[in-house]
Amino acid sequence: MDIFKDKITIFSRSNCMQCKMVKRFLKEHSVSFKEVNIDENPAAREALISAGYKSLPVVKTDKITFTGFQPAQLRKIVA
């Protein structure tokens, strides 16, 4: 399974405040994204761990990948 195939993918957890902030930012800017909740998708969780990610959210696009709520990086996506 290639979990990194969509244009914008947000890997999140149900109780993650930064995840909610990223999703809200993108929705406010009318940017569509795919959300993968690692609480509901253990394979995605394992893939993130294997790729070296230790915190959420992980925001993946075809050009950049970053973790956390980073408004400067998010502005690059919506530009």
C-alpha atoms as a PDB file:
ATOM      1  CA  MET A   1       0.000   0.000   0.000  1.00  0.00           C
ATOM      2  CA  ASP A   2       1.407   3.396  -1.005  1.00  0.00           C
ATOM      3  CA  ILE A   3       0.137   5.778   1.675  1.00  0.00           C
ATOM      4  CA  PHE A   4       1.935   8.743   0.094  1.00  0.00           C
ATOM      5  CA  LYS A   5       0.090   8.842  -3.260  1.00  0.00           C
ATOM      6  CA  ASP A   6      -2.406  11.732  -2.952  1.00  0.00           C
ATOM      7  CA  LYS A   7      -1.671  15.411  -3.704  1.00  0.00           C
ATOM      8  CA  ILE A   8      -2.179  16.506  -0.089  1.00  0.00           C
ATOM      9  CA  THR A   9      -2.406  13.945   2.652  1.00  0.00           C
ATOM     10  CA  ILE A  10      -2.665  14.690   6.352  1.00  0.00           C
ATOM     11  CA  PHE A  11      -1.801  11.910   8.751  1.00  0.00           C
ATOM     12  CA  SER A  12      -3.582  12.618  12.009  1.00  0.00           C
ATOM     13  CA  ARG A  13      -5.045  11.257  15.245  1.00  0.00           C
ATOM     14  CA  SER A  14      -8.480  11.845  16.679  1.00  0.00           C
ATOM     15  CA  ASN A  15      -7.288  13.809  19.724  1.00  0.00           C
ATOM     16  CA  CYS A  16      -4.548  15.862  18.016  1.00  0.00           C
ATOM     17  CA  MET A  17      -5.038  19.639  18.324  1.00  0.00           C
ATOM     18  CA  GLN A  18      -2.339  20.510  15.763  1.00  0.00           C
ATOM     19  CA  CYS A  19      -3.991  18.100  13.327  1.00  0.00           C
ATOM     20  CA  LYS A  20      -7.287  19.921  13.757  1.00  0.00           C
ATOM     21  CA  MET A  21      -5.562  23.268  13.194  1.00  0.00           C
ATOM     22  CA  VAL A  22      -3.978  22.074   9.926  1.00  0.00           C
ATOM     23  CA  LYS A  23      -7.296  20.728   8.648  1.00  0.00           C
ATOM     24  CA  ARG A  24      -9.075  23.954   9.591  1.00  0.00           C
ATOM     25  CA  PHE A  25      -6.430  26.068   7.825  1.00  0.00           C
ATOM     26  CA  LEU A  26      -6.758  24.076   4.610  1.00  0.00           C
ATOM     27  CA  LYS A  27     -10.568  24.102   4.736  1.00  0.00           C
ATOM     28  CA  GLU A  28     -10.605  27.875   5.301  1.00  0.00           C
ATOM     29  CA  HIS A  29      -8.479  28.231   2.157  1.00  0.00           C
ATOM     30  CA  SER A  30     -10.679  25.811   0.162  1.00  0.00           C
ATOM     31  CA  VAL A  31      -7.875  23.300  -0.292  1.00  0.00           C
ATOM     32  CA  SER A  32      -8.930  19.677  -0.565  1.00  0.00           C
ATOM     33  CA  PHE A  33      -6.925  16.978   1.150  1.00  0.00           C
ATOM     34  CA  LYS A  34      -7.083  13.359   2.168  1.00  0.00           C
ATOM     35  CA  GLU A  35      -6.975  12.584   5.857  1.00  0.00           C
ATOM     36  CA  VAL A  36      -5.524   9.342   7.174  1.00  0.00           C
ATOM     37  CA  ASN A  37      -6.332   8.840  10.843  1.00  0.00           C
ATOM     38  CA  ILE A  38      -3.647   6.554  12.246  1.00  0.00           C
ATOM     39  CA  ASP A  39      -5.942   5.549  15.111  1.00  0.00           C
ATOM     40  CA  GLU A  40      -8.115   3.863  12.476  1.00  0.00           C
ATOM     41  CA  ASN A  41      -5.336   2.759  10.118  1.00  0.00           C
ATOM     42  CA  PRO A  42      -2.555   0.805  11.864  1.00  0.00           C
ATOM     43  CA  ALA A  43      -0.738   0.183   8.554  1.00  0.00           C
ATOM     44  CA  ALA A  44      -0.417   3.930   8.003  1.00  0.00           C
ATOM     45  CA  ARG A  45       0.895   4.337  11.547  1.00  0.00           C
ATOM     46  CA  GLU A  46       3.543   1.691  10.935  1.00  0.00           C
ATOM     47  CA  ALA A  47       4.513   3.278   7.606  1.00  0.00           C
ATOM     48  CA  LEU A  48       5.009   6.664   9.288  1.00  0.00           C
ATOM     49  CA  ILE A  49       7.128   5.111  12.021  1.00  0.00           C
ATOM     50  CA  SER A  50       9.189   3.244   9.417  1.00  0.00           C
ATOM     51  CA  ALA A  51       9.703   6.508   7.522  1.00  0.00           C
ATOM     52  CA  GLY A  52      11.054   8.111  10.716  1.00  0.00           C
ATOM     53  CA  TYR A  53       8.111  10.319  11.694  1.00  0.00           C
ATOM     54  CA  LYS A  54       7.580  10.693  15.431  1.00  0.00           C
ATOM     55  CA  SER A  55       4.973  13.452  15.688  1.00  0.00           C
ATOM     56  CA  LEU A  56       1.691  14.474  14.107  1.00  0.00           C
ATOM     57  CA  PRO A  57       0.278  15.778  11.965  1.00  0.00           C
ATOM     58  CA  VAL A  58       2.392  14.753   9.010  1.00  0.00           C
ATOM     59  CA  VAL A  59       1.470  16.867   5.993  1.00  0.00           C
ATOM     60  CA  LYS A  60       2.599  15.359   2.694  1.00  0.00           C
ATOM     61  CA  THR A  61       2.328  16.950  -0.735  1.00  0.00           C
ATOM     62  CA  ASP A  62       4.028  16.104  -3.999  1.00  0.00           C
ATOM     63  CA  LYS A  63       6.679  18.770  -3.214  1.00  0.00           C
ATOM     64  CA  ILE A  64       7.046  19.082   0.563  1.00  0.00           C
ATOM     65  CA  THR A  65       6.502  17.080   3.716  1.00  0.00           C
ATOM     66  CA  PHE A  66       6.467  18.486   7.223  1.00  0.00           C
ATOM     67  CA  THR A  67       5.142  17.783  10.692  1.00  0.00           C
ATOM     68  CA  GLY A  68       3.112  19.942  13.018  1.00  0.00           C
ATOM     69  CA  PHE A  69       1.059  23.072  12.449  1.00  0.00           C
ATOM     70  CA  GLN A  70       3.387  25.294  10.394  1.00  0.00           C
ATOM     71  CA  PRO A  71       1.518  28.279   8.919  1.00  0.00           C
ATOM     72  CA  ALA A  72       4.449  29.283   6.678  1.00  0.00           C
ATOM     73  CA  GLN A  73       4.543  25.825   5.093  1.00  0.00           C
ATOM     74  CA  LEU A  74       0.750  25.722   4.802  1.00  0.00           C
ATOM     75  CA  ARG A  75       0.780  29.081   3.007  1.00  0.00           C
ATOM     76  CA  LYS A  76       3.107  27.522   0.407  1.00  0.00           C
ATOM     77  CA  ILE A  77       0.484  24.847  -0.220  1.00  0.00           C
ATOM     78  CA  VAL A  78      -2.393  27.288  -0.629  1.00  0.00           C
ATOM     79  CA  ALA A  79      -0.431  29.754  -2.787  1.00  0.00           C
END
